[in-house]
PDB file of N, CA and C in Angstrom:
ATOM      1  N   MET A   1     215.902 -21.541  63.441  1.00  0.00           N
ATOM      2  CA  MET A   1     213.849 -21.068  63.236  1.00  0.00           C
ATOM      3  C   MET A   1     213.225 -22.589  63.181  1.00  0.00           C
ATOM      4  N   LYS A   2     212.470 -22.711  63.708  1.00  0.00           N
ATOM      5  CA  LYS A   2     211.532 -23.944  63.931  1.00  0.00           C
ATOM      6  C   LYS A   2     210.280 -23.319  63.049  1.00  0.00           C
ATOM      7  N   THR A   3     209.639 -24.292  62.644  1.00  0.00           N
ATOM      8  CA  THR A   3     208.562 -24.239  61.213  1.00  0.00           C
ATOM      9  C   THR A   3     207.680 -24.926  61.604  1.00  0.00           C
ATOM     10  N   VAL A   4     206.350 -24.587  62.632  1.00  0.00           N
ATOM     11  CA  VAL A   4     205.186 -25.093  62.475  1.00  0.00           C
ATOM     12  C   VAL A   4     203.967 -24.748  61.716  1.00  0.00           C
ATOM     13  N   VAL A   5     203.541 -26.096  60.691  1.00  0.00           N
ATOM     14  CA  VAL A   5     202.591 -26.067  60.146  1.00  0.00           C
ATOM     15  C   VAL A   5     201.692 -26.238  60.698  1.00  0.00           C
ATOM     16  N   ILE A   6     199.867 -25.464  60.550  1.00  0.00           N
ATOM     17  CA  ILE A   6     199.190 -25.890  61.187  1.00  0.00           C
ATOM     18  C   ILE A   6     197.799 -25.791  60.330  1.00  0.00           C
ATOM     19  N   ALA A   7     196.944 -26.745  60.527  1.00  0.00           N
ATOM     20  CA  ALA A   7     196.328 -27.533  59.336  1.00  0.00           C
ATOM     21  C   ALA A   7     194.810 -27.297  59.288  1.00  0.00           C
ATOM     22  N   CYS A   8     193.953 -27.339  58.706  1.00  0.00           N
ATOM     23  CA  CYS A   8     192.662 -27.405  59.003  1.00  0.00           C
ATOM     24  C   CYS A   8     191.813 -28.083  57.790  1.00  0.00           C
ATOM     25  N   GLY A   9     190.978 -28.265  57.757  1.00  0.00           N
ATOM     26  CA  GLY A   9     189.903 -28.443  56.701  1.00  0.00           C
ATOM     27  C   GLY A   9     189.775 -28.045  55.845  1.00  0.00           C
ATOM     28  N   SER A  10     189.806 -25.886  55.630  1.00  0.00           N
ATOM     29  CA  SER A  10     189.393 -25.018  54.665  1.00  0.00           C
ATOM     30  C   SER A  10     191.162 -24.488  55.257  1.00  0.00           C
ATOM     31  N   GLY A  11     191.525 -24.515  55.895  1.00  0.00           N
ATOM     32  CA  GLY A  11     192.908 -23.372  55.961  1.00  0.00           C
ATOM     33  C   GLY A  11     192.506 -22.198  56.286  1.00  0.00           C
ATOM     34  N   VAL A  12     191.406 -21.750  57.444  1.00  0.00           N
ATOM     35  CA  VAL A  12     191.072 -20.758  57.530  1.00  0.00           C
ATOM     36  C   VAL A  12     190.301 -20.884  58.874  1.00  0.00           C
ATOM     37  N   ALA A  13     189.143 -21.420  59.315  1.00  0.00           N
ATOM     38  CA  ALA A  13     188.517 -20.975  59.902  1.00  0.00           C
ATOM     39  C   ALA A  13     189.636 -21.785  62.291  1.00  0.00           C
ATOM     40  N   THR A  14     189.744 -23.059  61.514  1.00  0.00           N
ATOM     41  CA  THR A  14     190.225 -23.454  63.196  1.00  0.00           C
ATOM     42  C   THR A  14     191.701 -23.409  63.012  1.00  0.00           C
ATOM     43  N   SER A  15     192.019 -23.241  62.393  1.00  0.00           N
ATOM     44  CA  SER A  15     193.650 -23.217  62.097  1.00  0.00           C
ATOM     45  C   SER A  15     193.326 -21.711  62.524  1.00  0.00           C
ATOM     46  N   THR A  16     192.974 -20.790  62.827  1.00  0.00           N
ATOM     47  CA  THR A  16     193.596 -19.381  62.807  1.00  0.00           C
ATOM     48  C   THR A  16     193.181 -19.393  64.604  1.00  0.00           C
ATOM     49  N   ILE A  17     192.453 -20.588  64.894  1.00  0.00           N
ATOM     50  CA  ILE A  17     192.200 -20.509  66.093  1.00  0.00           C
ATOM     51  C   ILE A  17     193.538 -21.227  66.729  1.00  0.00           C
ATOM     52  N   ILE A  18     194.142 -22.190  66.577  1.00  0.00           N
ATOM     53  CA  ILE A  18     195.454 -23.153  66.687  1.00  0.00           C
ATOM     54  C   ILE A  18     196.392 -22.292  66.978  1.00  0.00           C
ATOM     55  N   TYR A  19     196.211 -21.397  65.285  1.00  0.00           N
ATOM     56  CA  TYR A  19     197.529 -20.530  65.351  1.00  0.00           C
ATOM     57  C   TYR A  19     197.892 -19.480  66.036  1.00  0.00           C
ATOM     58  N   GLY A  20     196.730 -18.959  66.909  1.00  0.00           N
ATOM     59  CA  GLY A  20     197.149 -18.225  67.905  1.00  0.00           C
ATOM     60  C   GLY A  20     197.281 -18.575  69.222  1.00  0.00           C
ATOM     61  N   GLY A  21     196.429 -20.116  69.254  1.00  0.00           N
ATOM     62  CA  GLY A  21     197.526 -20.563  70.641  1.00  0.00           C
ATOM     63  C   GLY A  21     198.814 -21.177  70.201  1.00  0.00           C
ATOM     64  N   VAL A  22     199.433 -21.644  69.437  1.00  0.00           N
ATOM     65  CA  VAL A  22     200.629 -21.583  69.248  1.00  0.00           C
ATOM     66  C   VAL A  22     201.796 -20.753  68.896  1.00  0.00           C
ATOM     67  N   GLU A  23     201.445 -19.074  68.026  1.00  0.00           N
ATOM     68  CA  GLU A  23     201.687 -18.395  68.043  1.00  0.00           C
ATOM     69  C   GLU A  23     201.986 -17.770  69.648  1.00  0.00           C
ATOM     70  N   SER A  24     201.320 -17.804  70.342  1.00  0.00           N
ATOM     71  CA  SER A  24     201.184 -17.282  71.452  1.00  0.00           C
ATOM     72  C   SER A  24     201.997 -17.593  72.370  1.00  0.00           C
ATOM     73  N   LEU A  25     202.132 -19.704  72.381  1.00  0.00           N
ATOM     74  CA  LEU A  25     203.404 -19.893  73.018  1.00  0.00           C
ATOM     75  C   LEU A  25     204.028 -19.610  72.960  1.00  0.00           C
ATOM     76  N   LEU A  26     204.808 -19.715  71.312  1.00  0.00           N
ATOM     77  CA  LEU A  26     206.022 -19.631  71.254  1.00  0.00           C
ATOM     78  C   LEU A  26     206.845 -18.096  71.336  1.00  0.00           C
ATOM     79  N   LYS A  27     205.539 -16.978  71.262  1.00  0.00           N
ATOM     80  CA  LYS A  27     206.870 -16.078  71.578  1.00  0.00           C
ATOM     81  C   LYS A  27     207.062 -15.988  72.947  1.00  0.00           C
ATOM     82  N   LYS A  28     206.179 -16.735  74.108  1.00  0.00           N
ATOM     83  CA  LYS A  28     206.702 -16.756  75.350  1.00  0.00           C
ATOM     84  C   LYS A  28     208.406 -17.286  75.290  1.00  0.00           C
ATOM     85  N   SER A  29     207.937 -18.649  74.014  1.00  0.00           N
ATOM     86  CA  SER A  29     209.008 -19.658  74.365  1.00  0.00           C
ATOM     87  C   SER A  29     210.593 -18.670  74.341  1.00  0.00           C
ATOM     88  N   GLY A  30     210.787 -17.689  73.369  1.00  0.00           N
ATOM     89  CA  GLY A  30     211.752 -17.493  72.558  1.00  0.00           C
ATOM     90  C   GLY A  30     212.128 -18.551  71.608  1.00  0.00           C
ATOM     91  N   ILE A  31     212.034 -19.626  71.818  1.00  0.00           N
ATOM     92  CA  ILE A  31     212.525 -20.345  70.599  1.00  0.00           C
ATOM     93  C   ILE A  31     212.114 -19.527  68.964  1.00  0.00           C
ATOM     94  N   PRO A  32     212.959 -19.002  68.120  1.00  0.00           N
ATOM     95  CA  PRO A  32     212.449 -18.860  67.171  1.00  0.00           C
ATOM     96  C   PRO A  32     211.605 -19.385  66.038  1.00  0.00           C
ATOM     97  N   TYR A  33     210.892 -18.762  65.320  1.00  0.00           N
ATOM     98  CA  TYR A  33     209.713 -19.558  65.056  1.00  0.00           C
ATOM     99  C   TYR A  33     209.039 -19.482  63.355  1.00  0.00           C
ATOM    100  N   ASN A  34     208.369 -19.973  62.611  1.00  0.00           N
ATOM    101  CA  ASN A  34     207.691 -19.429  61.855  1.00  0.00           C
ATOM    102  C   ASN A  34     206.252 -20.465  61.265  1.00  0.00           C
ATOM    103  N   LEU A  35     205.912 -19.212  61.623  1.00  0.00           N
ATOM    104  CA  LEU A  35     203.923 -20.243  61.606  1.00  0.00           C
ATOM    105  C   LEU A  35     203.580 -20.333  59.497  1.00  0.00           C
ATOM    106  N   VAL A  36     203.362 -22.037  59.929  1.00  0.00           N
ATOM    107  CA  VAL A  36     202.555 -21.729  58.084  1.00  0.00           C
ATOM    108  C   VAL A  36     201.393 -22.140  58.732  1.00  0.00           C
ATOM    109  N   GLN A  37     199.934 -21.477  57.908  1.00  0.00           N
ATOM    110  CA  GLN A  37     198.565 -21.756  57.946  1.00  0.00           C
ATOM    111  C   GLN A  37     198.140 -22.494  56.665  1.00  0.00           C
ATOM    112  N   CYS A  38     198.177 -23.483  56.723  1.00  0.00           N
ATOM    113  CA  CYS A  38     197.155 -24.286  55.365  1.00  0.00           C
ATOM    114  C   CYS A  38     195.586 -25.024  55.592  1.00  0.00           C
ATOM    115  N   SER A  39     194.978 -25.393  53.926  1.00  0.00           N
ATOM    116  CA  SER A  39     194.658 -26.532  54.698  1.00  0.00           C
ATOM    117  C   SER A  39     194.690 -28.232  54.695  1.00  0.00           C
ATOM    118  N   PHE A  40     194.371 -29.201  54.734  1.00  0.00           N
ATOM    119  CA  PHE A  40     194.701 -30.239  54.455  1.00  0.00           C
ATOM    120  C   PHE A  40     195.133 -30.433  53.523  1.00  0.00           C
ATOM    121  N   THR A  41     194.378 -30.329  51.934  1.00  0.00           N
ATOM    122  CA  THR A  41     194.681 -30.460  50.629  1.00  0.00           C
ATOM    123  C   THR A  41     196.232 -29.740  50.178  1.00  0.00           C
ATOM    124  N   GLU A  42     196.213 -28.860  51.036  1.00  0.00           N
ATOM    125  CA  GLU A  42     197.726 -28.090  50.963  1.00  0.00           C
ATOM    126  C   GLU A  42     198.704 -28.397  51.846  1.00  0.00           C
ATOM    127  N   LEU A  43     198.431 -29.086  52.967  1.00  0.00           N
ATOM    128  CA  LEU A  43     199.616 -29.706  53.628  1.00  0.00           C
ATOM    129  C   LEU A  43     200.955 -30.421  53.018  1.00  0.00           C
ATOM    130  N   GLN A  44     200.584 -31.377  52.028  1.00  0.00           N
ATOM    131  CA  GLN A  44     201.890 -31.708  51.390  1.00  0.00           C
ATOM    132  C   GLN A  44     203.004 -30.809  51.207  1.00  0.00           C
ATOM    133  N   SER A  45     202.607 -30.133  50.496  1.00  0.00           N
ATOM    134  CA  SER A  45     203.430 -28.858  50.022  1.00  0.00           C
ATOM    135  C   SER A  45     204.485 -28.214  50.780  1.00  0.00           C
ATOM    136  N   TYR A  46     203.939 -28.010  52.366  1.00  0.00           N
ATOM    137  CA  TYR A  46     204.837 -27.596  53.454  1.00  0.00           C
ATOM    138  C   TYR A  46     206.167 -28.629  53.943  1.00  0.00           C
ATOM    139  N   VAL A  47     205.403 -29.708  53.859  1.00  0.00           N
ATOM    140  CA  VAL A  47     205.732 -30.597  54.971  1.00  0.00           C
ATOM    141  C   VAL A  47     207.184 -30.950  55.194  1.00  0.00           C
ATOM    142  N   GLY A  48     207.943 -30.832  53.750  1.00  0.00           N
ATOM    143  CA  GLY A  48     209.272 -30.538  53.553  1.00  0.00           C
ATOM    144  C   GLY A  48     209.774 -29.552  54.496  1.00  0.00           C
ATOM    145  N   GLN A  49     209.453 -28.342  54.970  1.00  0.00           N
ATOM    146  CA  GLN A  49     209.555 -27.387  55.793  1.00  0.00           C
ATOM    147  C   GLN A  49     209.593 -27.487  57.429  1.00  0.00           C
ATOM    148  N   ALA A  50     208.921 -28.284  57.676  1.00  0.00           N
ATOM    149  CA  ALA A  50     208.495 -28.267  58.527  1.00  0.00           C
ATOM    150  C   ALA A  50     209.048 -29.101  59.357  1.00  0.00           C
ATOM    151  N   ASP A  51     208.842 -28.264  60.984  1.00  0.00           N
ATOM    152  CA  ASP A  51     209.520 -29.030  62.364  1.00  0.00           C
ATOM    153  C   ASP A  51     208.533 -30.185  63.144  1.00  0.00           C
ATOM    154  N   LEU A  52     207.179 -29.579  63.086  1.00  0.00           N
ATOM    155  CA  LEU A  52     206.109 -29.747  63.850  1.00  0.00           C
ATOM    156  C   LEU A  52     204.715 -29.389  62.769  1.00  0.00           C
ATOM    157  N   ILE A  53     203.828 -30.521  63.051  1.00  0.00           N
ATOM    158  CA  ILE A  53     202.156 -30.286  62.324  1.00  0.00           C
ATOM    159  C   ILE A  53     201.620 -30.871  63.243  1.00  0.00           C
ATOM    160  N   VAL A  54     200.630 -29.241  63.413  1.00  0.00           N
ATOM    161  CA  VAL A  54     199.731 -29.202  64.211  1.00  0.00           C
ATOM    162  C   VAL A  54     198.205 -28.653  63.715  1.00  0.00           C
ATOM    163  N   SER A  55     197.161 -29.841  63.898  1.00  0.00           N
ATOM    164  CA  SER A  55     196.188 -30.180  62.976  1.00  0.00           C
ATOM    165  C   SER A  55     194.544 -29.983  63.741  1.00  0.00           C
ATOM    166  N   SER A  56     193.066 -29.625  63.184  1.00  0.00           N
ATOM    167  CA  SER A  56     192.346 -29.930  64.075  1.00  0.00           C
ATOM    168  C   SER A  56     191.923 -31.151  64.368  1.00  0.00           C
ATOM    169  N   MET A  57     192.511 -32.134  63.355  1.00  0.00           N
ATOM    170  CA  MET A  57     192.275 -33.350  63.829  1.00  0.00           C
ATOM    171  C   MET A  57     193.241 -34.290  63.343  1.00  0.00           C
ATOM    172  N   ASN A  58     193.273 -35.625  63.900  1.00  0.00           N
ATOM    173  CA  ASN A  58     194.546 -36.804  63.977  1.00  0.00           C
ATOM    174  C   ASN A  58     194.558 -36.798  62.611  1.00  0.00           C
ATOM    175  N   LEU A  59     195.870 -36.758  61.977  1.00  0.00           N
ATOM    176  CA  LEU A  59     196.130 -37.133  60.751  1.00  0.00           C
ATOM    177  C   LEU A  59     197.183 -38.261  60.547  1.00  0.00           C
ATOM    178  N   THR A  60     196.362 -39.336  59.403  1.00  0.00           N
ATOM    179  CA  THR A  60     196.560 -40.930  59.707  1.00  0.00           C
ATOM    180  C   THR A  60     197.830 -41.118  58.489  1.00  0.00           C
ATOM    181  N   GLN A  61     197.775 -40.085  57.681  1.00  0.00           N
ATOM    182  CA  GLN A  61     199.169 -40.074  57.093  1.00  0.00           C
ATOM    183  C   GLN A  61     200.856 -39.836  58.202  1.00  0.00           C
ATOM    184  N   ASP A  62     202.037 -40.606  57.737  1.00  0.00           N
ATOM    185  CA  ASP A  62     203.056 -40.180  58.008  1.00  0.00           C
ATOM    186  C   ASP A  62     202.934 -39.386  57.050  1.00  0.00           C
ATOM    187  N   TYR A  63     203.747 -38.121  57.370  1.00  0.00           N
ATOM    188  CA  TYR A  63     204.667 -37.047  57.060  1.00  0.00           C
ATOM    189  C   TYR A  63     205.814 -36.887  56.876  1.00  0.00           C
ATOM    190  N   GLY A  64     206.751 -37.839  58.103  1.00  0.00           N
ATOM    191  CA  GLY A  64     207.856 -37.719  58.236  1.00  0.00           C
ATOM    192  C   GLY A  64     208.663 -36.732  59.440  1.00  0.00           C
ATOM    193  N   VAL A  65     207.684 -36.040  60.020  1.00  0.00           N
ATOM    194  CA  VAL A  65     207.469 -35.111  60.994  1.00  0.00           C
ATOM    195  C   VAL A  65     206.816 -35.204  61.763  1.00  0.00           C
ATOM    196  N   PRO A  66     207.040 -34.528  63.473  1.00  0.00           N
ATOM    197  CA  PRO A  66     205.583 -34.850  64.559  1.00  0.00           C
ATOM    198  C   PRO A  66     204.735 -34.472  64.218  1.00  0.00           C
ATOM    199  N   LYS A  67     203.273 -35.091  64.781  1.00  0.00           N
ATOM    200  CA  LYS A  67     201.916 -34.097  64.152  1.00  0.00           C
ATOM    201  C   LYS A  67     201.059 -34.371  65.630  1.00  0.00           C
ATOM    202  N   LEU A  68     200.713 -33.702  65.914  1.00  0.00           N
ATOM    203  CA  LEU A  68     200.121 -32.875  67.427  1.00  0.00           C
ATOM    204  C   LEU A  68     198.346 -32.744  66.504  1.00  0.00           C
ATOM    205  N   VAL A  69     197.428 -33.104  67.395  1.00  0.00           N
ATOM    206  CA  VAL A  69     196.266 -32.079  67.306  1.00  0.00           C
ATOM    207  C   VAL A  69     196.009 -31.078  68.292  1.00  0.00           C
ATOM    208  N   GLY A  70     195.773 -30.568  68.174  1.00  0.00           N
ATOM    209  CA  GLY A  70     195.251 -28.701  68.441  1.00  0.00           C
ATOM    210  C   GLY A  70     194.534 -28.691  68.907  1.00  0.00           C
ATOM    211  N   LEU A  71     193.228 -29.880  69.157  1.00  0.00           N
ATOM    212  CA  LEU A  71     192.223 -29.423  69.723  1.00  0.00           C
ATOM    213  C   LEU A  71     192.470 -28.873  70.780  1.00  0.00           C
ATOM    214  N   PRO A  72     192.990 -29.116  71.880  1.00  0.00           N
ATOM    215  CA  PRO A  72     192.686 -28.232  72.964  1.00  0.00           C
ATOM    216  C   PRO A  72     192.866 -26.944  73.180  1.00  0.00           C
ATOM    217  N   TYR A  73     193.135 -26.165  72.162  1.00  0.00           N
ATOM    218  CA  TYR A  73     193.380 -25.176  72.074  1.00  0.00           C
ATOM    219  C   TYR A  73     191.798 -24.321  71.664  1.00  0.00           C
ATOM    220  N   LEU A  74     190.993 -25.323  70.977  1.00  0.00           N
ATOM    221  CA  LEU A  74     189.495 -25.235  70.884  1.00  0.00           C
ATOM    222  C   LEU A  74     188.182 -25.074  71.779  1.00  0.00           C
ATOM    223  N   THR A  75     188.872 -26.122  72.700  1.00  0.00           N
ATOM    224  CA  THR A  75     188.085 -26.817  73.945  1.00  0.00           C
ATOM    225  C   THR A  75     188.597 -25.997  74.961  1.00  0.00           C
ATOM    226  N   GLY A  76     189.963 -25.825  75.283  1.00  0.00           N
ATOM    227  CA  GLY A  76     190.593 -25.153  76.125  1.00  0.00           C
ATOM    228  C   GLY A  76     190.918 -26.305  77.469  1.00  0.00           C
ATOM    229  N   MET A  77     190.447 -27.421  77.354  1.00  0.00           N
ATOM    230  CA  MET A  77     190.727 -28.369  77.739  1.00  0.00           C
ATOM    231  C   MET A  77     191.994 -29.316  77.596  1.00  0.00           C
ATOM    232  N   GLY A  78     193.579 -29.390  78.390  1.00  0.00           N
ATOM    233  CA  GLY A  78     194.740 -29.706  77.889  1.00  0.00           C
ATOM    234  C   GLY A  78     195.685 -29.138  77.354  1.00  0.00           C
ATOM    235  N   VAL A  79     195.195 -27.347  77.211  1.00  0.00           N
ATOM    236  CA  VAL A  79     196.203 -26.554  76.627  1.00  0.00           C
ATOM    237  C   VAL A  79     197.676 -26.844  77.243  1.00  0.00           C
ATOM    238  N   ASP A  80     197.905 -26.962  78.553  1.00  0.00           N
ATOM    239  CA  ASP A  80     199.173 -26.773  79.193  1.00  0.00           C
ATOM    240  C   ASP A  80     199.810 -28.417  78.637  1.00  0.00           C
ATOM    241  N   GLN A  81     199.120 -28.921  79.120  1.00  0.00           N
ATOM    242  CA  GLN A  81     199.987 -30.586  78.064  1.00  0.00           C
ATOM    243  C   GLN A  81     200.463 -30.426  76.515  1.00  0.00           C
ATOM    244  N   LEU A  82     199.128 -30.004  75.864  1.00  0.00           N
ATOM    245  CA  LEU A  82     200.219 -29.767  74.183  1.00  0.00           C
ATOM    246  C   LEU A  82     201.093 -28.812  74.441  1.00  0.00           C
ATOM    247  N   ASN A  83     201.391 -27.390  75.029  1.00  0.00           N
ATOM    248  CA  ASN A  83     202.456 -27.038  74.873  1.00  0.00           C
ATOM    249  C   ASN A  83     203.347 -27.333  75.502  1.00  0.00           C
ATOM    250  N   GLU A  84     203.295 -28.289  76.325  1.00  0.00           N
ATOM    251  CA  GLU A  84     204.578 -29.249  76.782  1.00  0.00           C
ATOM    252  C   GLU A  84     205.260 -29.386  75.288  1.00  0.00           C
ATOM    253  N   LYS A  85     204.279 -30.745  75.220  1.00  0.00           N
ATOM    254  CA  LYS A  85     204.773 -31.095  73.561  1.00  0.00           C
ATOM    255  C   LYS A  85     204.920 -30.146  72.485  1.00  0.00           C
ATOM    256  N   ILE A  86     204.649 -29.636  72.405  1.00  0.00           N
ATOM    257  CA  ILE A  86     205.155 -28.578  71.408  1.00  0.00           C
ATOM    258  C   ILE A  86     206.593 -28.482  71.792  1.00  0.00           C
ATOM    259  N   ILE A  87     206.969 -27.467  72.757  1.00  0.00           N
ATOM    260  CA  ILE A  87     208.169 -27.096  73.435  1.00  0.00           C
ATOM    261  C   ILE A  87     208.717 -27.952  73.335  1.00  0.00           C
ATOM    262  N   LYS A  88     208.778 -29.660  74.574  1.00  0.00           N
ATOM    263  CA  LYS A  88     209.811 -30.170  73.799  1.00  0.00           C
ATOM    264  C   LYS A  88     210.134 -30.993  72.737  1.00  0.00           C
ATOM    265  N   ILE A  89     208.827 -31.613  71.600  1.00  0.00           N
ATOM    266  CA  ILE A  89     209.556 -31.159  69.774  1.00  0.00           C
ATOM    267  C   ILE A  89     210.413 -30.279  69.583  1.00  0.00           C
ATOM    268  N   LEU A  90     209.914 -29.096  69.621  1.00  0.00           N
ATOM    269  CA  LEU A  90     210.799 -27.940  69.067  1.00  0.00           C
ATOM    270  C   LEU A  90     212.053 -27.804  69.592  1.00  0.00           C
ATOM    271  N   LYS A  91     212.672 -27.691  71.026  1.00  0.00           N
ATOM    272  CA  LYS A  91     214.027 -28.370  71.646  1.00  0.00           C
ATOM    273  C   LYS A  91     214.638 -29.566  70.864  1.00  0.00           C
ATOM    274  N   GLU A  92     213.898 -30.307  70.095  1.00  0.00           N
ATOM    275  CA  GLU A  92     214.452 -31.438  70.262  1.00  0.00           C
ATOM    276  C   GLU A  92     215.346 -30.987  69.086  1.00  0.00           C
ATOM    277  N   GLU A  93     216.961 -31.889  68.263  1.00  0.00           N
ATOM    278  CA  GLU A  93     217.589 -31.219  67.815  1.00  0.00           C
ATOM    279  C   GLU A  93     217.268 -32.889  66.230  1.00  0.00           C
ATOM    280  N   ARG A  94     216.893 -32.141  65.247  1.00  0.00           N
ATOM    281  CA  ARG A  94     216.082 -33.204  64.269  1.00  0.00           C
ATOM    282  C   ARG A  94     217.016 -33.166  62.825  1.00  0.00           C
TER     283      ARG A  94
END
């Protein structure tokens, strides 16, 4: 089971949209998954279980797991490329 942590400033609005995009992708992919939605201040408490972090903005801190910006889910531009990156990361052995 792969765990994806989805984070934004408040853990509510923007991350909900990103969550929907990631959930839709993973349902189609057949990859067993667990999604966690949180705020940036809560992020540190979830990274220990994360295989990937998808956030609403670029994170400069190194959490020891891959991280991507989920902006394409908000703008509709670059979604296919982001989806490919997510699948590639989650299929890698960690």
